[in-house]
């Protein structure tokens, strides 16, 4: 079962995660599968397991959709950056070094 505990791994100080959203280095990104597979201990006066399962399924589905949209957005961003680079190399000012 996946854990939400800190991993103890952090990136180099002062280094920006270019092209990605900021996230804490203390926790790994949560994915839909982790939400779907999460189980909770039972107690005498606990929550209704069916309600918890239904809510976790809903969260997992929304999280999966968000990750898919983020992937599409990153691909589109890379495509646009490439097109801009191509355009700049064809039509941008030429630097003459002598």
PDB file of N, CA and C in Angstrom:
ATOM      1  N   UNK A   1       0.848  -1.170   0.000  1.00  0.00           N
ATOM      2  CA  UNK A   1       0.000   0.000   0.000  1.00  0.00           C
ATOM      3  C   UNK A   1       0.896   1.236   0.000  1.00  0.00           C
ATOM      4  N   UNK A   2       0.685   2.201  -0.936  1.00  0.00           N
ATOM      5  CA  UNK A   2       1.522   3.386  -1.027  1.00  0.00           C
ATOM      6  C   UNK A   2       1.421   4.236   0.232  1.00  0.00           C
ATOM      7  N   UNK A   3       2.514   4.898   0.530  1.00  0.00           N
ATOM      8  CA  UNK A   3       2.570   5.725   1.724  1.00  0.00           C
ATOM      9  C   UNK A   3       2.660   7.192   1.353  1.00  0.00           C
ATOM     10  N   UNK A   4       2.102   8.047   2.198  1.00  0.00           N
ATOM     11  CA  UNK A   4       2.183   9.489   1.985  1.00  0.00           C
ATOM     12  C   UNK A   4       3.273  10.082   2.863  1.00  0.00           C
ATOM     13  N   UNK A   5       4.199   9.267   3.311  1.00  0.00           N
ATOM     14  CA  UNK A   5       5.277   9.752   4.159  1.00  0.00           C
ATOM     15  C   UNK A   5       6.341  10.441   3.317  1.00  0.00           C
ATOM     16  N   UNK A   6       7.080  11.377   3.920  1.00  0.00           N
ATOM     17  CA  UNK A   6       8.163  12.027   3.183  1.00  0.00           C
ATOM     18  C   UNK A   6       9.165  10.997   2.683  1.00  0.00           C
ATOM     19  N   UNK A   7       9.702  11.236   1.493  1.00  0.00           N
ATOM     20  CA  UNK A   7      10.660  10.307   0.911  1.00  0.00           C
ATOM     21  C   UNK A   7      12.073  10.571   1.390  1.00  0.00           C
ATOM     22  N   UNK A   8      12.316  11.784   1.918  1.00  0.00           N
ATOM     23  CA  UNK A   8      13.655  12.121   2.352  1.00  0.00           C
ATOM     24  C   UNK A   8      14.532  12.597   1.218  1.00  0.00           C
ATOM     25  N   UNK A   9      14.016  12.561  -0.007  1.00  0.00           N
ATOM     26  CA  UNK A   9      14.785  13.012  -1.161  1.00  0.00           C
ATOM     27  C   UNK A   9      14.343  14.413  -1.535  1.00  0.00           C
ATOM     28  N   UNK A  10      15.287  15.269  -1.761  1.00  0.00           N
ATOM     29  CA  UNK A  10      14.978  16.625  -2.200  1.00  0.00           C
ATOM     30  C   UNK A  10      15.887  16.958  -3.365  1.00  0.00           C
ATOM     31  N   UNK A  11      15.417  17.818  -4.236  1.00  0.00           N
ATOM     32  CA  UNK A  11      16.220  18.243  -5.375  1.00  0.00           C
ATOM     33  C   UNK A  11      17.311  19.185  -4.927  1.00  0.00           C
ATOM     34  N   UNK A  12      18.216  19.530  -5.855  1.00  0.00           N
ATOM     35  CA  UNK A  12      19.289  20.460  -5.527  1.00  0.00           C
ATOM     36  C   UNK A  12      18.718  21.803  -5.092  1.00  0.00           C
ATOM     37  N   UNK A  13      19.302  22.437  -4.071  1.00  0.00           N
ATOM     38  CA  UNK A  13      18.775  23.716  -3.612  1.00  0.00           C
ATOM     39  C   UNK A  13      18.891  24.777  -4.696  1.00  0.00           C
ATOM     40  N   UNK A  14      17.865  25.613  -4.787  1.00  0.00           N
ATOM     41  CA  UNK A  14      17.884  26.717  -5.738  1.00  0.00           C
ATOM     42  C   UNK A  14      17.588  26.323  -7.167  1.00  0.00           C
ATOM     43  N   UNK A  15      17.329  25.068  -7.418  1.00  0.00           N
ATOM     44  CA  UNK A  15      17.069  24.630  -8.785  1.00  0.00           C
ATOM     45  C   UNK A  15      15.579  24.642  -9.049  1.00  0.00           C
ATOM     46  N   UNK A  16      15.177  25.284 -10.141  1.00  0.00           N
ATOM     47  CA  UNK A  16      13.765  25.393 -10.494  1.00  0.00           C
ATOM     48  C   UNK A  16      13.353  24.179 -11.309  1.00  0.00           C
ATOM     49  N   UNK A  17      12.170  23.699 -11.080  1.00  0.00           N
ATOM     50  CA  UNK A  17      11.620  22.559 -11.801  1.00  0.00           C
ATOM     51  C   UNK A  17      10.973  23.080 -13.084  1.00  0.00           C
ATOM     52  N   UNK A  18      11.772  23.422 -14.065  1.00  0.00           N
ATOM     53  CA  UNK A  18      11.293  24.071 -15.287  1.00  0.00           C
ATOM     54  C   UNK A  18      10.270  23.213 -16.012  1.00  0.00           C
ATOM     55  N   UNK A  19       9.156  23.844 -16.393  1.00  0.00           N
ATOM     56  CA  UNK A  19       8.131  23.157 -17.155  1.00  0.00           C
ATOM     57  C   UNK A  19       7.174  22.331 -16.326  1.00  0.00           C
ATOM     58  N   UNK A  20       7.380  22.287 -15.048  1.00  0.00           N
ATOM     59  CA  UNK A  20       6.504  21.508 -14.179  1.00  0.00           C
ATOM     60  C   UNK A  20       5.978  22.409 -13.075  1.00  0.00           C
ATOM     61  N   UNK A  21       4.832  22.058 -12.544  1.00  0.00           N
ATOM     62  CA  UNK A  21       4.281  22.852 -11.458  1.00  0.00           C
ATOM     63  C   UNK A  21       5.073  22.596 -10.184  1.00  0.00           C
ATOM     64  N   UNK A  22       5.032  23.556  -9.285  1.00  0.00           N
ATOM     65  CA  UNK A  22       5.762  23.417  -8.025  1.00  0.00           C
ATOM     66  C   UNK A  22       5.062  22.404  -7.129  1.00  0.00           C
ATOM     67  N   UNK A  23       5.820  21.568  -6.515  1.00  0.00           N
ATOM     68  CA  UNK A  23       5.261  20.646  -5.524  1.00  0.00           C
ATOM     69  C   UNK A  23       6.296  20.441  -4.436  1.00  0.00           C
ATOM     70  N   UNK A  24       5.810  20.090  -3.287  1.00  0.00           N
ATOM     71  CA  UNK A  24       6.686  19.838  -2.157  1.00  0.00           C
ATOM     72  C   UNK A  24       7.580  18.645  -2.473  1.00  0.00           C
ATOM     73  N   UNK A  25       8.833  18.733  -2.075  1.00  0.00           N
ATOM     74  CA  UNK A  25       9.735  17.600  -2.282  1.00  0.00           C
ATOM     75  C   UNK A  25       9.573  16.567  -1.171  1.00  0.00           C
ATOM     76  N   UNK A  26       8.739  16.871  -0.165  1.00  0.00           N
ATOM     77  CA  UNK A  26       8.560  15.949   0.951  1.00  0.00           C
ATOM     78  C   UNK A  26       7.646  14.780   0.593  1.00  0.00           C
ATOM     79  N   UNK A  27       6.783  14.933  -0.395  1.00  0.00           N
ATOM     80  CA  UNK A  27       5.826  13.886  -0.748  1.00  0.00           C
ATOM     81  C   UNK A  27       5.870  13.613  -2.244  1.00  0.00           C
ATOM     82  N   UNK A  28       5.705  12.369  -2.600  1.00  0.00           N
ATOM     83  CA  UNK A  28       5.615  12.009  -4.015  1.00  0.00           C
ATOM     84  C   UNK A  28       4.266  12.456  -4.546  1.00  0.00           C
ATOM     85  N   UNK A  29       4.170  12.738  -5.851  1.00  0.00           N
ATOM     86  CA  UNK A  29       2.874  13.124  -6.418  1.00  0.00           C
ATOM     87  C   UNK A  29       1.869  11.982  -6.261  1.00  0.00           C
ATOM     88  N   UNK A  30       0.656  12.330  -5.956  1.00  0.00           N
ATOM     89  CA  UNK A  30      -0.405  11.349  -5.771  1.00  0.00           C
ATOM     90  C   UNK A  30      -0.979  10.977  -7.130  1.00  0.00           C
ATOM     91  N   UNK A  31      -1.161   9.689  -7.365  1.00  0.00           N
ATOM     92  CA  UNK A  31      -1.762   9.270  -8.628  1.00  0.00           C
ATOM     93  C   UNK A  31      -3.093   8.567  -8.349  1.00  0.00           C
ATOM     94  N   UNK A  32      -3.887   8.437  -9.389  1.00  0.00           N
ATOM     95  CA  UNK A  32      -5.226   7.860  -9.263  1.00  0.00           C
ATOM     96  C   UNK A  32      -5.181   6.434  -8.711  1.00  0.00           C
ATOM     97  N   UNK A  33      -4.198   5.657  -9.118  1.00  0.00           N
ATOM     98  CA  UNK A  33      -4.088   4.276  -8.648  1.00  0.00           C
ATOM     99  C   UNK A  33      -3.897   4.226  -7.136  1.00  0.00           C
ATOM    100  N   UNK A  34      -3.101   5.158  -6.601  1.00  0.00           N
ATOM    101  CA  UNK A  34      -2.898   5.189  -5.154  1.00  0.00           C
ATOM    102  C   UNK A  34      -4.216   5.442  -4.423  1.00  0.00           C
ATOM    103  N   UNK A  35      -5.019   6.345  -4.955  1.00  0.00           N
ATOM    104  CA  UNK A  35      -6.311   6.639  -4.328  1.00  0.00           C
ATOM    105  C   UNK A  35      -7.213   5.419  -4.413  1.00  0.00           C
ATOM    106  N   UNK A  36      -7.237   4.768  -5.581  1.00  0.00           N
ATOM    107  CA  UNK A  36      -8.099   3.594  -5.759  1.00  0.00           C
ATOM    108  C   UNK A  36      -7.703   2.439  -4.835  1.00  0.00           C
ATOM    109  N   UNK A  37      -6.406   2.301  -4.568  1.00  0.00           N
ATOM    110  CA  UNK A  37      -5.924   1.169  -3.778  1.00  0.00           C
ATOM    111  C   UNK A  37      -5.838   1.454  -2.279  1.00  0.00           C
ATOM    112  N   UNK A  38      -6.046   2.699  -1.883  1.00  0.00           N
ATOM    113  CA  UNK A  38      -5.946   3.054  -0.462  1.00  0.00           C
ATOM    114  C   UNK A  38      -7.025   2.345   0.350  1.00  0.00           C
ATOM    115  N   UNK A  39      -6.653   1.769   1.456  1.00  0.00           N
ATOM    116  CA  UNK A  39      -7.590   1.112   2.360  1.00  0.00           C
ATOM    117  C   UNK A  39      -7.411   1.707   3.747  1.00  0.00           C
ATOM    118  N   UNK A  40      -8.474   1.705   4.513  1.00  0.00           N
ATOM    119  CA  UNK A  40      -8.458   2.275   5.850  1.00  0.00           C
ATOM    120  C   UNK A  40      -8.843   1.206   6.861  1.00  0.00           C
ATOM    121  N   UNK A  41      -8.307   1.332   8.056  1.00  0.00           N
ATOM    122  CA  UNK A  41      -8.652   0.399   9.120  1.00  0.00           C
ATOM    123  C   UNK A  41     -10.095   0.606   9.577  1.00  0.00           C
ATOM    124  N   UNK A  42     -10.689  -0.460  10.054  1.00  0.00           N
ATOM    125  CA  UNK A  42     -12.077  -0.384  10.526  1.00  0.00           C
ATOM    126  C   UNK A  42     -12.077  -0.133  12.034  1.00  0.00           C
ATOM    127  N   UNK A  43     -13.083   0.595  12.452  1.00  0.00           N
ATOM    128  CA  UNK A  43     -13.257   0.815  13.881  1.00  0.00           C
ATOM    129  C   UNK A  43     -14.741   0.689  14.212  1.00  0.00           C
ATOM    130  N   UNK A  44     -15.046   0.610  15.466  1.00  0.00           N
ATOM    131  CA  UNK A  44     -16.414   0.343  15.900  1.00  0.00           C
ATOM    132  C   UNK A  44     -17.401   1.390  15.396  1.00  0.00           C
ATOM    133  N   UNK A  45     -17.078   2.646  15.485  1.00  0.00           N
ATOM    134  CA  UNK A  45     -17.998   3.702  15.068  1.00  0.00           C
ATOM    135  C   UNK A  45     -17.408   4.449  13.871  1.00  0.00           C
ATOM    136  N   UNK A  46     -16.866   3.719  12.939  1.00  0.00           N
ATOM    137  CA  UNK A  46     -16.201   4.320  11.786  1.00  0.00           C
ATOM    138  C   UNK A  46     -17.167   4.841  10.739  1.00  0.00           C
ATOM    139  N   UNK A  47     -16.597   5.257   9.646  1.00  0.00           N
ATOM    140  CA  UNK A  47     -17.366   5.776   8.522  1.00  0.00           C
ATOM    141  C   UNK A  47     -17.973   4.632   7.721  1.00  0.00           C
ATOM    142  N   UNK A  48     -18.974   4.953   6.921  1.00  0.00           N
ATOM    143  CA  UNK A  48     -19.617   3.967   6.052  1.00  0.00           C
ATOM    144  C   UNK A  48     -18.632   3.593   4.942  1.00  0.00           C
ATOM    145  N   UNK A  49     -18.168   2.353   4.906  1.00  0.00           N
ATOM    146  CA  UNK A  49     -17.176   1.946   3.906  1.00  0.00           C
ATOM    147  C   UNK A  49     -17.640   2.189   2.471  1.00  0.00           C
ATOM    148  N   UNK A  50     -18.911   2.005   2.182  1.00  0.00           N
ATOM    149  CA  UNK A  50     -19.411   2.218   0.819  1.00  0.00           C
ATOM    150  C   UNK A  50     -19.299   3.690   0.427  1.00  0.00           C
ATOM    151  N   UNK A  51     -19.584   4.588   1.363  1.00  0.00           N
ATOM    152  CA  UNK A  51     -19.457   6.017   1.072  1.00  0.00           C
ATOM    153  C   UNK A  51     -17.999   6.401   0.846  1.00  0.00           C
ATOM    154  N   UNK A  52     -17.110   5.888   1.692  1.00  0.00           N
ATOM    155  CA  UNK A  52     -15.679   6.184   1.550  1.00  0.00           C
ATOM    156  C   UNK A  52     -15.182   5.659   0.210  1.00  0.00           C
ATOM    157  N   UNK A  53     -15.526   4.413  -0.132  1.00  0.00           N
ATOM    158  CA  UNK A  53     -15.091   3.828  -1.405  1.00  0.00           C
ATOM    159  C   UNK A  53     -15.611   4.633  -2.592  1.00  0.00           C
ATOM    160  N   UNK A  54     -16.876   5.031  -2.535  1.00  0.00           N
ATOM    161  CA  UNK A  54     -17.450   5.827  -3.622  1.00  0.00           C
ATOM    162  C   UNK A  54     -16.750   7.158  -3.787  1.00  0.00           C
ATOM    163  N   UNK A  55     -16.454   7.797  -2.676  1.00  0.00           N
ATOM    164  CA  UNK A  55     -15.780   9.092  -2.733  1.00  0.00           C
ATOM    165  C   UNK A  55     -14.353   8.934  -3.252  1.00  0.00           C
ATOM    166  N   UNK A  56     -13.648   7.901  -2.795  1.00  0.00           N
ATOM    167  CA  UNK A  56     -12.285   7.659  -3.281  1.00  0.00           C
ATOM    168  C   UNK A  56     -12.283   7.363  -4.780  1.00  0.00           C
ATOM    169  N   UNK A  57     -13.283   6.620  -5.263  1.00  0.00           N
ATOM    170  CA  UNK A  57     -13.376   6.359  -6.709  1.00  0.00           C
ATOM    171  C   UNK A  57     -13.551   7.660  -7.477  1.00  0.00           C
ATOM    172  N   UNK A  58     -14.425   8.530  -6.962  1.00  0.00           N
ATOM    173  CA  UNK A  58     -14.661   9.820  -7.618  1.00  0.00           C
ATOM    174  C   UNK A  58     -13.379  10.659  -7.651  1.00  0.00           C
ATOM    175  N   UNK A  59     -12.674  10.724  -6.528  1.00  0.00           N
ATOM    176  CA  UNK A  59     -11.418  11.478  -6.471  1.00  0.00           C
ATOM    177  C   UNK A  59     -10.401  10.890  -7.440  1.00  0.00           C
ATOM    178  N   UNK A  60     -10.290   9.558  -7.466  1.00  0.00           N
ATOM    179  CA  UNK A  60      -9.332   8.900  -8.353  1.00  0.00           C
ATOM    180  C   UNK A  60      -9.654   9.193  -9.814  1.00  0.00           C
ATOM    181  N   UNK A  61     -10.930   9.158 -10.184  1.00  0.00           N
ATOM    182  CA  UNK A  61     -11.321   9.455 -11.567  1.00  0.00           C
ATOM    183  C   UNK A  61     -10.974  10.892 -11.940  1.00  0.00           C
ATOM    184  N   UNK A  62     -11.260  11.833 -11.035  1.00  0.00           N
ATOM    185  CA  UNK A  62     -10.948  13.231 -11.313  1.00  0.00           C
ATOM    186  C   UNK A  62      -9.443  13.449 -11.385  1.00  0.00           C
ATOM    187  N   UNK A  63      -8.694  12.776 -10.511  1.00  0.00           N
ATOM    188  CA  UNK A  63      -7.242  12.892 -10.519  1.00  0.00           C
ATOM    189  C   UNK A  63      -6.658  12.332 -11.815  1.00  0.00           C
ATOM    190  N   UNK A  64      -7.188  11.203 -12.272  1.00  0.00           N
ATOM    191  CA  UNK A  64      -6.727  10.618 -13.535  1.00  0.00           C
ATOM    192  C   UNK A  64      -7.006  11.567 -14.698  1.00  0.00           C
ATOM    193  N   UNK A  65      -8.186  12.195 -14.708  1.00  0.00           N
ATOM    194  CA  UNK A  65      -8.521  13.150 -15.771  1.00  0.00           C
ATOM    195  C   UNK A  65      -7.594  14.361 -15.728  1.00  0.00           C
ATOM    196  N   UNK A  66      -7.276  14.836 -14.534  1.00  0.00           N
ATOM    197  CA  UNK A  66      -6.367  15.980 -14.406  1.00  0.00           C
ATOM    198  C   UNK A  66      -4.965  15.637 -14.893  1.00  0.00           C
ATOM    199  N   UNK A  67      -4.480  14.438 -14.543  1.00  0.00           N
ATOM    200  CA  UNK A  67      -3.156  14.021 -15.014  1.00  0.00           C
ATOM    201  C   UNK A  67      -3.134  13.898 -16.541  1.00  0.00           C
ATOM    202  N   UNK A  68      -4.199  13.374 -17.128  1.00  0.00           N
ATOM    203  CA  UNK A  68      -4.272  13.252 -18.587  1.00  0.00           C
ATOM    204  C   UNK A  68      -4.273  14.635 -19.231  1.00  0.00           C
ATOM    205  N   UNK A  69      -5.034  15.566 -18.674  1.00  0.00           N
ATOM    206  CA  UNK A  69      -5.072  16.930 -19.205  1.00  0.00           C
ATOM    207  C   UNK A  69      -3.713  17.606 -19.050  1.00  0.00           C
ATOM    208  N   UNK A  70      -3.046  17.385 -17.939  1.00  0.00           N
ATOM    209  CA  UNK A  70      -1.715  17.945 -17.732  1.00  0.00           C
ATOM    210  C   UNK A  70      -0.737  17.401 -18.767  1.00  0.00           C
ATOM    211  N   UNK A  71      -0.802  16.104 -19.051  1.00  0.00           N
ATOM    212  CA  UNK A  71       0.059  15.514 -20.082  1.00  0.00           C
ATOM    213  C   UNK A  71      -0.208  16.146 -21.443  1.00  0.00           C
ATOM    214  N   UNK A  72      -1.501  16.315 -21.798  1.00  0.00           N
ATOM    215  CA  UNK A  72      -1.838  16.946 -23.081  1.00  0.00           C
ATOM    216  C   UNK A  72      -1.333  18.386 -23.133  1.00  0.00           C
ATOM    217  N   UNK A  73      -1.454  19.099 -22.026  1.00  0.00           N
ATOM    218  CA  UNK A  73      -0.998  20.487 -21.974  1.00  0.00           C
ATOM    219  C   UNK A  73       0.515  20.568 -22.131  1.00  0.00           C
ATOM    220  N   UNK A  74       1.231  19.665 -21.488  1.00  0.00           N
ATOM    221  CA  UNK A  74       2.700  19.656 -21.618  1.00  0.00           C
ATOM    222  C   UNK A  74       3.120  19.336 -23.050  1.00  0.00           C
ATOM    223  N   UNK A  75       2.429  18.389 -23.693  1.00  0.00           N
ATOM    224  CA  UNK A  75       2.740  18.061 -25.087  1.00  0.00           C
ATOM    225  C   UNK A  75       2.484  19.260 -25.992  1.00  0.00           C
ATOM    226  N   UNK A  76       1.358  19.936 -25.785  1.00  0.00           N
ATOM    227  CA  UNK A  76       1.028  21.125 -26.578  1.00  0.00           C
ATOM    228  C   UNK A  76       2.048  22.230 -26.336  1.00  0.00           C
ATOM    229  N   UNK A  77       2.465  22.399 -25.101  1.00  0.00           N
ATOM    230  CA  UNK A  77       3.465  23.398 -24.765  1.00  0.00           C
ATOM    231  C   UNK A  77       4.778  23.112 -25.496  1.00  0.00           C
ATOM    232  N   UNK A  78       5.202  21.862 -25.504  1.00  0.00           N
ATOM    233  CA  UNK A  78       6.436  21.487 -26.199  1.00  0.00           C
ATOM    234  C   UNK A  78       6.304  21.731 -27.700  1.00  0.00           C
ATOM    235  N   UNK A  79       5.139  21.415 -28.266  1.00  0.00           N
ATOM    236  CA  UNK A  79       4.918  21.640 -29.694  1.00  0.00           C
ATOM    237  C   UNK A  79       4.989  23.130 -30.023  1.00  0.00           C
ATOM    238  N   UNK A  80       4.350  23.965 -29.208  1.00  0.00           N
ATOM    239  CA  UNK A  80       4.354  25.409 -29.449  1.00  0.00           C
ATOM    240  C   UNK A  80       5.762  25.977 -29.295  1.00  0.00           C
ATOM    241  N   UNK A  81       6.492  25.530 -28.277  1.00  0.00           N
ATOM    242  CA  UNK A  81       7.869  25.998 -28.097  1.00  0.00           C
ATOM    243  C   UNK A  81       8.728  25.636 -29.305  1.00  0.00           C
ATOM    244  N   UNK A  82       8.554  24.416 -29.805  1.00  0.00           N
ATOM    245  CA  UNK A  82       9.311  23.996 -30.986  1.00  0.00           C
ATOM    246  C   UNK A  82       8.971  24.835 -32.200  1.00  0.00           C
ATOM    247  N   UNK A  83       7.681  25.107 -32.406  1.00  0.00           N
ATOM    248  CA  UNK A  83       7.265  25.939 -33.537  1.00  0.00           C
ATOM    249  C   UNK A  83       7.816  27.350 -33.401  1.00  0.00           C
ATOM    250  N   UNK A  84       7.815  27.890 -32.197  1.00  0.00           N
ATOM    251  CA  UNK A  84       8.362  29.231 -31.974  1.00  0.00           C
ATOM    252  C   UNK A  84       9.856  29.255 -32.255  1.00  0.00           C
ATOM    253  N   UNK A  85      10.573  28.240 -31.788  1.00  0.00           N
ATOM    254  CA  UNK A  85      12.013  28.155 -32.053  1.00  0.00           C
ATOM    255  C   UNK A  85      12.285  28.100 -33.554  1.00  0.00           C
ATOM    256  N   UNK A  86      11.498  27.286 -34.277  1.00  0.00           N
ATOM    257  CA  UNK A  86      11.661  27.200 -35.731  1.00  0.00           C
ATOM    258  C   UNK A  86      11.407  28.550 -36.384  1.00  0.00           C
ATOM    259  N   UNK A  87      10.330  29.214 -35.976  1.00  0.00           N
ATOM    260  CA  UNK A  87       9.992  30.517 -36.550  1.00  0.00           C
ATOM    261  C   UNK A  87      11.098  31.519 -36.261  1.00  0.00           C
ATOM    262  N   UNK A  88      11.601  31.542 -35.028  1.00  0.00           N
ATOM    263  CA  UNK A  88      12.659  32.483 -34.661  1.00  0.00           C
ATOM    264  C   UNK A  88      13.934  32.224 -35.451  1.00  0.00           C
ATOM    265  N   UNK A  89      14.243  30.966 -35.702  1.00  0.00           N
ATOM    266  CA  UNK A  89      15.469  30.673 -36.451  1.00  0.00           C
ATOM    267  C   UNK A  89      15.335  31.074 -37.916  1.00  0.00           C
ATOM    268  N   UNK A  90      14.115  31.063 -38.456  1.00  0.00           N
ATOM    269  CA  UNK A  90      13.915  31.471 -39.848  1.00  0.00           C
ATOM    270  C   UNK A  90      13.764  32.972 -40.006  1.00  0.00           C
ATOM    271  N   UNK A  91      13.029  33.610 -39.093  1.00  0.00           N
ATOM    272  CA  UNK A  91      12.667  35.008 -39.283  1.00  0.00           C
ATOM    273  C   UNK A  91      13.269  35.955 -38.253  1.00  0.00           C
ATOM    274  N   UNK A  92      13.950  35.444 -37.272  1.00  0.00           N
ATOM    275  CA  UNK A  92      14.533  36.295 -36.235  1.00  0.00           C
ATOM    276  C   UNK A  92      15.724  37.066 -36.775  1.00  0.00           C
ATOM    277  N   UNK A  93      16.156  38.079 -36.034  1.00  0.00           N
ATOM    278  CA  UNK A  93      17.304  38.875 -36.482  1.00  0.00           C
ATOM    279  C   UNK A  93      18.557  38.012 -36.559  1.00  0.00           C
ATOM    280  N   UNK A  94      19.318  38.258 -37.572  1.00  0.00           N
ATOM    281  CA  UNK A  94      20.574  37.529 -37.770  1.00  0.00           C
ATOM    282  C   UNK A  94      21.697  38.286 -37.071  1.00  0.00           C
ATOM    283  N   UNK A  95      22.498  37.568 -36.329  1.00  0.00           N
ATOM    284  CA  UNK A  95      23.640  38.179 -35.656  1.00  0.00           C
ATOM    285  C   UNK A  95      24.874  37.865 -36.486  1.00  0.00           C
ATOM    286  N   UNK A  96      25.536  38.932 -36.911  1.00  0.00           N
ATOM    287  CA  UNK A  96      26.751  38.763 -37.712  1.00  0.00           C
ATOM    288  C   UNK A  96      27.939  38.982 -36.791  1.00  0.00           C
ATOM    289  N   UNK A  97      28.786  37.992 -36.726  1.00  0.00           N
ATOM    290  CA  UNK A  97      29.981  38.105 -35.877  1.00  0.00           C
ATOM    291  C   UNK A  97      31.193  38.241 -36.777  1.00  0.00           C
ATOM    292  N   UNK A  98      32.010  39.163 -36.441  1.00  0.00           N
ATOM    293  CA  UNK A  98      33.134  39.404 -37.336  1.00  0.00           C
ATOM    294  C   UNK A  98      34.420  39.416 -36.730  1.00  0.00           C
TER     295      UNK A  98
END
